[in-house]
Amino acid sequence: METTGLERAVRLLARHDQPVRLGQIKAADGSWVFMLFLTEDSSTLVACTGVRQERD
């Protein structure tokens, strides 16, 4: 499974040290799913990581 931005997201979240909200974006073709980590009020993106989806 291929990921992008995972290590950076972990570092940013550790530094943020505050509650976060989660969001998810799926690519139109279903090839990637991205997890968004937002500030508690959803006004700022803290970090993002993506996972390539395997095709059946």
N, C-alpha and C. Protein backbone atom coordinates (compact mmCIF):
# COMPACT_ATOMS: atom_id res chain seq x y z
N MET A 1 0.84 -1.17 0.00
CA MET A 1 0.00 0.00 0.00
C MET A 1 0.90 1.24 0.00
N GLU A 2 0.63 2.15 -0.91
CA GLU A 2 1.42 3.39 -1.02
C GLU A 2 0.75 4.50 -0.22
N THR A 3 1.56 5.24 0.53
CA THR A 3 1.07 6.41 1.26
C THR A 3 1.87 7.63 0.85
N THR A 4 1.30 8.78 1.10
CA THR A 4 2.02 10.03 0.87
C THR A 4 1.78 10.96 2.05
N GLY A 5 2.83 11.59 2.51
CA GLY A 5 2.72 12.59 3.56
C GLY A 5 2.52 12.07 4.96
N LEU A 6 2.62 10.77 5.17
CA LEU A 6 2.33 10.20 6.49
C LEU A 6 3.33 10.67 7.55
N GLU A 7 4.60 10.56 7.27
CA GLU A 7 5.61 10.96 8.27
C GLU A 7 5.47 12.44 8.62
N ARG A 8 5.29 13.27 7.61
CA ARG A 8 5.13 14.71 7.85
C ARG A 8 3.87 14.98 8.67
N ALA A 9 2.77 14.28 8.36
CA ALA A 9 1.52 14.47 9.09
C ALA A 9 1.71 14.12 10.57
N VAL A 10 2.41 13.04 10.85
CA VAL A 10 2.64 12.64 12.24
C VAL A 10 3.44 13.72 12.97
N ARG A 11 4.48 14.25 12.32
CA ARG A 11 5.28 15.31 12.95
C ARG A 11 4.43 16.56 13.22
N LEU A 12 3.66 16.96 12.24
CA LEU A 12 2.83 18.15 12.41
C LEU A 12 1.78 17.98 13.49
N LEU A 13 1.18 16.81 13.55
CA LEU A 13 0.17 16.56 14.58
C LEU A 13 0.78 16.53 15.98
N ALA A 14 1.97 15.99 16.10
CA ALA A 14 2.66 15.97 17.40
C ALA A 14 2.95 17.39 17.87
N ARG A 15 3.34 18.26 16.95
CA ARG A 15 3.62 19.66 17.30
C ARG A 15 2.35 20.45 17.59
N HIS A 16 1.27 20.09 16.94
CA HIS A 16 0.01 20.83 17.09
C HIS A 16 -0.52 20.71 18.52
N ASP A 17 -0.51 19.53 19.09
CA ASP A 17 -0.85 19.29 20.50
C ASP A 17 -2.20 19.90 20.90
N GLN A 18 -3.16 19.86 20.01
CA GLN A 18 -4.51 20.35 20.27
C GLN A 18 -5.49 19.36 19.62
N PRO A 19 -6.75 19.39 20.04
CA PRO A 19 -7.75 18.53 19.37
C PRO A 19 -7.84 18.88 17.88
N VAL A 20 -8.15 17.89 17.08
CA VAL A 20 -8.33 18.10 15.64
C VAL A 20 -9.65 17.49 15.19
N ARG A 21 -10.11 17.96 14.07
CA ARG A 21 -11.25 17.35 13.37
C ARG A 21 -10.70 16.60 12.17
N LEU A 22 -11.39 15.56 11.79
CA LEU A 22 -10.96 14.76 10.65
C LEU A 22 -11.87 15.03 9.45
N GLY A 23 -11.26 15.01 8.30
CA GLY A 23 -12.00 15.09 7.05
C GLY A 23 -11.44 14.06 6.09
N GLN A 24 -12.20 13.72 5.09
CA GLN A 24 -11.75 12.72 4.12
C GLN A 24 -12.13 13.17 2.72
N ILE A 25 -11.19 13.02 1.80
CA ILE A 25 -11.44 13.31 0.40
C ILE A 25 -11.07 12.07 -0.41
N LYS A 26 -11.97 11.64 -1.26
CA LYS A 26 -11.70 10.52 -2.16
C LYS A 26 -11.52 11.07 -3.57
N ALA A 27 -10.47 10.62 -4.25
CA ALA A 27 -10.26 11.02 -5.64
C ALA A 27 -11.43 10.56 -6.48
N ALA A 28 -11.77 11.34 -7.49
CA ALA A 28 -12.91 11.01 -8.35
C ALA A 28 -12.82 9.61 -8.95
N ASP A 29 -11.61 9.18 -9.27
CA ASP A 29 -11.44 7.85 -9.85
C ASP A 29 -11.23 6.76 -8.80
N GLY A 30 -11.27 7.13 -7.52
CA GLY A 30 -11.14 6.16 -6.44
C GLY A 30 -9.73 5.68 -6.18
N SER A 31 -8.75 6.29 -6.83
CA SER A 31 -7.38 5.79 -6.70
C SER A 31 -6.69 6.20 -5.40
N TRP A 32 -7.12 7.30 -4.80
CA TRP A 32 -6.51 7.79 -3.57
C TRP A 32 -7.60 8.22 -2.58
N VAL A 33 -7.30 8.07 -1.30
CA VAL A 33 -8.12 8.62 -0.23
C VAL A 33 -7.19 9.46 0.64
N PHE A 34 -7.60 10.69 0.91
CA PHE A 34 -6.80 11.60 1.72
C PHE A 34 -7.51 11.87 3.03
N MET A 35 -6.76 11.80 4.13
CA MET A 35 -7.26 12.16 5.44
C MET A 35 -6.76 13.56 5.77
N LEU A 36 -7.69 14.43 6.12
CA LEU A 36 -7.36 15.80 6.48
C LEU A 36 -7.48 15.95 7.98
N PHE A 37 -6.54 16.62 8.58
CA PHE A 37 -6.56 16.92 10.01
C PHE A 37 -6.68 18.43 10.13
N LEU A 38 -7.81 18.88 10.65
CA LEU A 38 -8.14 20.30 10.72
C LEU A 38 -8.14 20.77 12.17
N THR A 39 -7.93 22.08 12.36
CA THR A 39 -8.06 22.62 13.71
C THR A 39 -9.48 22.37 14.20
N GLU A 40 -9.64 22.47 15.51
CA GLU A 40 -10.93 22.14 16.13
C GLU A 40 -12.09 22.95 15.54
N ASP A 41 -11.83 24.20 15.14
CA ASP A 41 -12.88 25.03 14.55
C ASP A 41 -12.96 24.87 13.02
N SER A 42 -12.18 23.96 12.48
CA SER A 42 -12.16 23.62 11.05
C SER A 42 -11.67 24.76 10.15
N SER A 43 -11.01 25.75 10.71
CA SER A 43 -10.59 26.89 9.91
C SER A 43 -9.23 26.72 9.24
N THR A 44 -8.42 25.75 9.75
CA THR A 44 -7.06 25.61 9.24
C THR A 44 -6.70 24.14 9.09
N LEU A 45 -6.04 23.82 7.99
CA LEU A 45 -5.52 22.48 7.77
C LEU A 45 -4.23 22.32 8.58
N VAL A 46 -4.18 21.31 9.43
CA VAL A 46 -2.99 21.03 10.23
C VAL A 46 -2.07 20.07 9.48
N ALA A 47 -2.65 19.02 8.89
CA ALA A 47 -1.86 18.00 8.20
C ALA A 47 -2.77 17.22 7.26
N CYS A 48 -2.13 16.51 6.33
CA CYS A 48 -2.86 15.70 5.37
C CYS A 48 -2.00 14.49 5.00
N THR A 49 -2.63 13.35 4.85
CA THR A 49 -1.94 12.16 4.38
C THR A 49 -2.86 11.43 3.40
N GLY A 50 -2.26 10.73 2.45
CA GLY A 50 -3.04 10.02 1.45
C GLY A 50 -2.63 8.57 1.34
N VAL A 51 -3.59 7.74 0.96
CA VAL A 51 -3.35 6.30 0.78
C VAL A 51 -3.90 5.90 -0.58
N ARG A 52 -3.01 5.31 -1.39
CA ARG A 52 -3.47 4.80 -2.70
C ARG A 52 -4.32 3.56 -2.46
N GLN A 53 -5.45 3.51 -3.12
CA GLN A 53 -6.38 2.40 -2.98
C GLN A 53 -6.06 1.31 -3.99
N GLU A 54 -6.05 0.09 -3.51
CA GLU A 54 -5.80 -1.05 -4.39
C GLU A 54 -7.04 -1.36 -5.19
N ARG A 55 -6.84 -1.69 -6.43
CA ARG A 55 -7.97 -2.04 -7.31
C ARG A 55 -8.24 -3.53 -7.21
N ASP A 56 -9.52 -3.89 -7.21
CA ASP A 56 -9.89 -5.32 -7.18
C ASP A 56 -9.84 -5.91 -8.54
